[in-house]
Amino acid sequence: MDKKKINILIIETEPIIIEIIRELFAFTINKDYEGYTTKITCFDNLKDGEQFIQKNKLDLAIIAHPLIYGEGHKFAIQMKRKYPNTYVVLTSGYTEDIFRLHSNFYYDSYLEKPFTAQSLRNILKEVI
């Protein structure tokens, strides 16, 4: 039986956060979602992420804001307009209510750092 692949893009400058997301998704998929597998691609900048999405179909994008070399929320706007079927998650150390005061943009979910393992599982559940 062929497994359904979930293509995930992570744009994040913190290597430990990338590793946590990778490990949690791999564990959760193996434990709870028989018949699924993940392909996770990670970048620490928007330029590489932008080039990647032009050539690859994504199911889920997790984008940090702010980034050292760019504005994650602006990238999220572009993604939702160009690829409305991609589930876009924005992560930030700002609370969502404060963030919304200064931004009017599109995303499917928001994770305030530090986020919990359960909040990441809930995102995966939404995508699958």
Protein backbone atom coordinates (compact mmCIF):
# COMPACT_ATOMS: atom_id res chain seq x y z
CA MET A 1 0.00 0.00 0.00
CA ASP A 2 1.37 3.42 -0.97
CA LYS A 3 1.60 5.92 1.83
CA LYS A 4 0.22 9.43 1.37
CA LYS A 5 3.06 11.91 1.64
CA ILE A 6 2.52 15.16 3.53
CA ASN A 7 4.90 17.81 2.20
CA ILE A 8 5.92 20.29 4.87
CA LEU A 9 8.05 23.43 4.62
CA ILE A 10 9.55 25.00 7.74
CA ILE A 11 11.13 28.45 7.59
CA GLU A 12 12.76 29.10 10.93
CA THR A 13 16.11 30.47 12.11
CA GLU A 14 16.26 28.46 15.34
CA PRO A 15 17.74 24.99 14.65
CA ILE A 16 16.35 23.55 17.89
CA ILE A 17 12.79 24.52 16.92
CA ILE A 18 13.22 22.88 13.51
CA GLU A 19 14.47 19.69 15.15
CA ILE A 20 11.61 19.62 17.66
CA ILE A 21 8.99 20.01 14.91
CA ARG A 22 10.66 17.35 12.74
CA GLU A 23 10.85 14.82 15.57
CA LEU A 24 7.34 15.46 16.84
CA PHE A 25 5.78 15.17 13.38
CA ALA A 26 7.74 12.00 12.57
CA PHE A 27 6.73 10.42 15.90
CA THR A 28 3.08 11.47 15.59
CA ILE A 29 2.77 10.25 11.99
CA ASN A 30 4.31 6.87 12.82
CA LYS A 31 2.17 6.45 15.95
CA ASP A 32 -1.22 7.88 14.96
CA TYR A 33 -1.49 8.05 11.18
CA GLU A 34 -0.89 4.72 9.49
CA GLY A 35 -0.71 5.19 5.74
CA TYR A 36 0.97 8.60 5.95
CA THR A 37 4.55 9.77 5.76
CA THR A 38 6.14 13.22 5.85
CA LYS A 39 8.69 15.00 3.75
CA ILE A 40 9.96 17.99 5.71
CA THR A 41 12.11 20.64 4.05
CA CYS A 42 13.68 23.38 6.16
CA PHE A 43 15.21 26.75 5.40
CA ASP A 44 16.42 29.58 7.60
CA ASN A 45 15.49 32.28 5.08
CA LEU A 46 12.61 33.34 2.87
CA LYS A 47 14.55 33.44 -0.41
CA ASP A 48 15.27 29.70 -0.36
CA GLY A 49 11.73 29.02 0.82
CA GLU A 50 10.28 31.04 -2.03
CA GLN A 51 12.36 29.21 -4.62
CA PHE A 52 11.31 25.89 -3.12
CA ILE A 53 7.56 26.56 -3.23
CA GLN A 54 7.74 27.55 -6.88
CA LYS A 55 8.81 23.99 -7.72
CA ASN A 56 7.05 21.92 -5.06
CA LYS A 57 3.48 21.38 -3.93
CA LEU A 58 3.06 21.83 -0.18
CA ASP A 59 0.46 20.63 2.26
CA LEU A 60 1.78 22.63 5.22
CA ALA A 61 4.08 25.63 5.67
CA ILE A 62 5.32 26.71 9.11
CA ILE A 63 6.81 30.18 8.94
CA ALA A 64 8.51 32.09 11.75
CA HIS A 65 8.09 35.82 12.24
CA PRO A 66 10.20 37.83 12.50
CA LEU A 67 13.12 36.32 10.62
CA ILE A 68 16.64 37.69 10.44
CA TYR A 69 16.34 38.26 6.69
CA GLY A 70 12.69 39.00 6.15
CA GLU A 71 9.15 39.30 7.32
CA GLY A 72 7.47 35.93 7.77
CA HIS A 73 3.97 37.40 7.86
CA LYS A 74 4.43 39.04 4.43
CA PHE A 75 5.59 35.71 3.03
CA ALA A 76 2.49 34.07 4.54
CA ILE A 77 0.28 36.57 2.66
CA GLN A 78 1.96 35.72 -0.63
CA MET A 79 1.66 31.99 0.03
CA LYS A 80 -2.06 32.09 0.84
CA ARG A 81 -2.79 34.18 -2.25
CA LYS A 82 -0.76 31.99 -4.62
CA TYR A 83 -1.40 28.62 -2.96
CA PRO A 84 -4.71 28.82 -1.11
CA ASN A 85 -4.78 25.05 -0.48
CA THR A 86 -1.53 25.10 1.49
CA TYR A 87 -2.15 25.23 5.24
CA VAL A 88 -0.04 28.13 6.53
CA VAL A 89 1.05 28.38 10.16
CA LEU A 90 2.76 31.48 11.49
CA THR A 91 4.94 31.21 14.60
CA SER A 92 6.13 34.11 16.72
CA GLY A 93 7.14 35.13 20.21
CA TYR A 94 4.46 37.82 20.04
CA THR A 95 1.00 37.00 21.35
CA GLU A 96 -1.54 36.68 18.56
CA ASP A 97 -3.69 39.58 19.79
CA ILE A 98 -0.69 41.95 19.81
CA PHE A 99 0.44 40.63 16.45
CA ARG A 100 -2.98 41.24 14.90
CA LEU A 101 -2.91 44.89 16.02
CA HIS A 102 0.01 45.50 13.67
CA SER A 103 -0.76 43.06 10.88
CA ASN A 104 -3.67 42.36 8.61
CA PHE A 105 -2.86 39.17 6.75
CA TYR A 106 -3.89 35.61 6.05
CA TYR A 107 -2.84 32.44 7.81
CA ASP A 108 -4.61 29.25 8.86
CA SER A 109 -3.14 28.92 12.31
CA TYR A 110 -0.92 30.83 14.72
CA LEU A 111 1.52 29.33 17.23
CA GLU A 112 2.92 31.53 19.94
CA LYS A 113 6.42 30.55 21.02
CA PRO A 114 7.05 28.63 23.09
CA PHE A 115 4.40 26.32 21.72
CA THR A 116 3.36 22.92 23.03
CA ALA A 117 3.64 19.47 21.49
CA GLN A 118 -0.15 19.24 21.56
CA SER A 119 -0.52 22.45 19.55
CA LEU A 120 1.74 20.96 16.85
CA ARG A 121 -0.28 17.72 16.88
CA ASN A 122 -3.45 19.76 16.42
CA ILE A 123 -1.94 21.44 13.35
CA LEU A 124 -1.06 18.06 11.88
CA LYS A 125 -4.62 16.86 12.54
CA GLU A 126 -5.99 19.86 10.62
CA VAL A 127 -3.78 19.11 7.62
CA ILE A 128 -4.53 15.38 7.51
